Amino acid sequence: MKRSLPGSVSYLTLPITYAYVMFLTVLILAGCSANNITEEKIREFISNAEIAIEEGNIRKVGNLIDDTYNDSRGRGKKELIQYVTYQVLRKRSIHLYTSITSISFPTPDTATVQLYAAMTGVPVESTRALLDMRADIYTFDCTLTLHDENWVLSSASWEPALLEDLLPE
């Protein structure tokens, strides 16, 4: 005699259904975990770029840029490195404060990042601290690609932004 629960689910199929749900849950959590790890890698990339620019380490900056880099102003990798070099030489001290507004992954080896960056002559601890100092503020739309397990900047566009854009509402 076959016993069943209300709704005609047999006792024999219940463990299979439970196992299936658990399997799907594990897959979903694994996917979320992998995405969180990848997002952390992108944040690490942004942090490494900040440090390289603040240190004036043009070689490190160059290593973070894809050889096929192209930006909205028609610059390639060489021209971008020249521009960063100009900024580093022009200012005695560069400190960056970044605020990432979004990270997305159109494909597993491509990330798009939107962020604000404030460039000042002194360290910045918070967005509010920018109220009391002079800073050049920009909004960036960047595309990063994964090459040999390393993220590199493959394209970017930027434009001036206002301090109000960075402030929390």
Protein backbone atom coordinates (compact mmCIF):
# COMPACT_ATOMS: atom_id res chain seq x y z
CA MET A 1 0.00 0.00 0.00
CA LYS A 2 1.41 3.37 -1.04
CA ARG A 3 1.00 6.17 1.52
CA SER A 4 0.87 9.79 0.43
CA LEU A 5 0.76 13.20 1.99
CA PRO A 6 -1.98 15.71 1.23
CA GLY A 7 -1.57 17.01 -2.30
CA SER A 8 -0.57 13.50 -3.50
CA VAL A 9 3.17 13.79 -2.74
CA SER A 10 4.40 10.35 -1.76
CA TYR A 11 6.72 9.78 1.18
CA LEU A 12 9.24 8.36 -1.26
CA THR A 13 9.42 11.51 -3.40
CA LEU A 14 9.68 13.86 -0.43
CA PRO A 15 13.41 13.15 0.20
CA ILE A 16 14.13 13.55 -3.50
CA THR A 17 12.28 16.88 -3.62
CA TYR A 18 14.12 18.02 -0.50
CA ALA A 19 17.47 16.96 -2.00
CA TYR A 20 16.65 18.80 -5.23
CA VAL A 21 15.76 22.00 -3.34
CA MET A 22 18.96 21.75 -1.29
CA PHE A 23 20.99 21.19 -4.48
CA LEU A 24 19.46 24.31 -6.07
CA THR A 25 20.11 26.31 -2.91
CA VAL A 26 23.77 25.26 -2.90
CA LEU A 27 24.11 26.23 -6.58
CA ILE A 28 22.54 29.63 -5.98
CA LEU A 29 24.71 30.30 -2.93
CA ALA A 30 27.82 29.15 -4.79
CA GLY A 31 26.97 31.54 -7.61
CA CYS A 32 26.45 34.41 -5.18
CA SER A 33 29.68 33.57 -3.40
CA ALA A 34 31.63 33.48 -6.68
CA ASN A 35 30.11 36.82 -7.69
CA ASN A 36 31.02 38.34 -4.30
CA ILE A 37 34.58 37.07 -4.68
CA THR A 38 34.76 38.53 -8.19
CA GLU A 39 33.36 41.85 -6.96
CA GLU A 40 36.04 41.89 -4.25
CA LYS A 41 38.67 41.37 -6.96
CA ILE A 42 37.30 44.41 -8.81
CA ARG A 43 37.40 46.50 -5.62
CA GLU A 44 40.97 45.28 -5.07
CA PHE A 45 41.83 46.37 -8.63
CA ILE A 46 40.43 49.88 -7.96
CA SER A 47 42.38 50.06 -4.69
CA ASN A 48 45.61 48.98 -6.43
CA ALA A 49 45.09 51.64 -9.10
CA GLU A 50 44.58 54.29 -6.39
CA ILE A 51 47.76 53.24 -4.59
CA ALA A 52 49.82 53.17 -7.81
CA ILE A 53 48.68 56.68 -8.77
CA GLU A 54 49.19 58.09 -5.27
CA GLU A 55 52.70 56.59 -5.20
CA GLY A 56 53.40 57.99 -8.66
CA ASN A 57 54.31 54.47 -9.78
CA ILE A 58 53.70 54.74 -13.51
CA ARG A 59 54.96 51.20 -14.15
CA LYS A 60 52.28 49.78 -11.82
CA VAL A 61 49.67 51.98 -13.47
CA GLY A 62 50.74 50.67 -16.88
CA ASN A 63 50.42 47.07 -15.70
CA LEU A 64 46.77 47.73 -14.82
CA ILE A 65 45.91 48.88 -18.35
CA ASP A 66 45.09 46.49 -21.19
CA ASP A 67 47.37 46.74 -24.25
CA THR A 68 44.24 47.27 -26.38
CA TYR A 69 42.87 50.03 -24.11
CA ASN A 70 40.71 52.63 -25.83
CA ASP A 71 38.79 55.45 -24.16
CA SER A 72 36.03 57.87 -25.10
CA ARG A 73 38.61 60.50 -26.12
CA GLY A 74 40.41 58.17 -28.53
CA ARG A 75 43.37 57.57 -26.24
CA GLY A 76 45.21 54.26 -26.28
CA LYS A 77 47.29 52.77 -23.48
CA LYS A 78 50.37 54.86 -24.30
CA GLU A 79 48.42 58.13 -24.29
CA LEU A 80 46.65 57.27 -21.03
CA ILE A 81 49.98 56.51 -19.34
CA GLN A 82 51.33 59.85 -20.64
CA TYR A 83 48.26 61.63 -19.23
CA VAL A 84 48.68 59.97 -15.81
CA THR A 85 52.40 60.80 -15.86
CA TYR A 86 51.55 64.45 -16.62
CA GLN A 87 49.12 64.57 -13.68
CA VAL A 88 51.65 62.97 -11.31
CA LEU A 89 54.41 65.40 -12.34
CA ARG A 90 52.06 68.41 -12.28
CA LYS A 91 50.95 67.90 -8.70
CA ARG A 92 53.33 67.63 -5.78
CA SER A 93 51.09 65.24 -3.93
CA ILE A 94 48.14 63.24 -5.22
CA HIS A 95 45.56 61.63 -2.98
CA LEU A 96 42.49 59.91 -4.35
CA TYR A 97 39.17 59.25 -2.74
CA THR A 98 36.92 56.88 -4.67
CA SER A 99 33.32 55.92 -4.27
CA ILE A 100 32.13 52.95 -6.34
CA THR A 101 28.49 53.32 -7.32
CA SER A 102 28.09 50.05 -9.22
CA ILE A 103 29.85 46.93 -10.41
CA SER A 104 28.26 44.59 -12.91
CA PHE A 105 29.39 41.60 -14.93
CA PRO A 106 27.99 41.51 -18.47
CA THR A 107 30.11 38.39 -19.04
CA PRO A 108 32.26 36.31 -16.67
CA ASP A 109 35.43 37.98 -17.97
CA THR A 110 34.08 41.54 -18.29
CA ALA A 111 33.17 43.97 -15.53
CA THR A 112 31.69 47.43 -15.79
CA VAL A 113 32.38 49.84 -12.96
CA GLN A 114 30.88 53.23 -12.27
CA LEU A 115 32.64 55.34 -9.69
CA TYR A 116 33.40 58.84 -8.50
CA ALA A 117 36.96 59.91 -7.82
CA ALA A 118 38.13 62.99 -5.98
CA MET A 119 41.75 64.07 -6.46
CA THR A 120 43.23 66.24 -3.73
CA GLY A 121 46.60 67.25 -2.36
CA VAL A 122 45.95 65.76 1.08
CA PRO A 123 44.55 62.43 2.30
CA VAL A 124 40.75 62.18 2.45
CA GLU A 125 39.12 60.02 5.09
CA SER A 126 35.47 60.48 4.13
CA THR A 127 33.15 62.07 1.62
CA ARG A 128 32.18 64.71 4.21
CA ALA A 129 35.86 65.71 4.57
CA LEU A 130 35.76 66.86 0.94
CA LEU A 131 33.47 69.73 2.02
CA ASP A 132 36.45 71.46 3.63
CA MET A 133 38.97 71.06 0.84
CA ARG A 134 39.58 71.71 -2.80
CA ALA A 135 39.25 68.64 -4.98
CA ASP A 136 38.94 67.75 -8.64
CA ILE A 137 35.96 65.37 -8.85
CA TYR A 138 35.15 63.10 -11.77
CA THR A 139 32.68 60.38 -12.60
CA PHE A 140 34.11 57.34 -14.40
CA ASP A 141 32.55 54.55 -16.44
CA CYS A 142 35.12 51.80 -16.78
CA THR A 143 35.25 48.41 -18.44
CA LEU A 144 37.64 45.84 -17.03
CA THR A 145 38.52 42.56 -18.70
CA LEU A 146 40.04 39.44 -17.24
CA HIS A 147 43.35 38.42 -18.85
CA ASP A 148 45.39 35.55 -17.44
CA GLU A 149 43.47 35.72 -14.14
CA ASN A 150 44.19 39.46 -13.77
CA TRP A 151 41.72 42.29 -14.27
CA VAL A 152 42.90 45.13 -16.51
CA LEU A 153 41.32 48.39 -17.62
CA SER A 154 40.18 48.01 -21.23
CA SER A 155 38.15 51.20 -21.70
CA ALA A 156 36.99 54.24 -19.78
CA SER A 157 35.13 57.47 -20.06
CA TRP A 158 35.07 60.26 -17.53
CA GLU A 159 33.77 63.74 -17.01
CA PRO A 160 33.83 66.35 -14.27
CA ALA A 161 31.36 65.83 -11.43
CA LEU A 162 30.10 67.89 -8.55
CA LEU A 163 30.79 67.31 -4.88
CA GLU A 164 27.03 67.00 -4.39
CA ASP A 165 27.11 63.88 -6.60
CA LEU A 166 29.33 62.16 -4.03
CA LEU A 167 27.44 63.20 -0.92
CA PRO A 168 24.92 60.76 0.54
CA GLU A 169 21.35 61.94 0.29
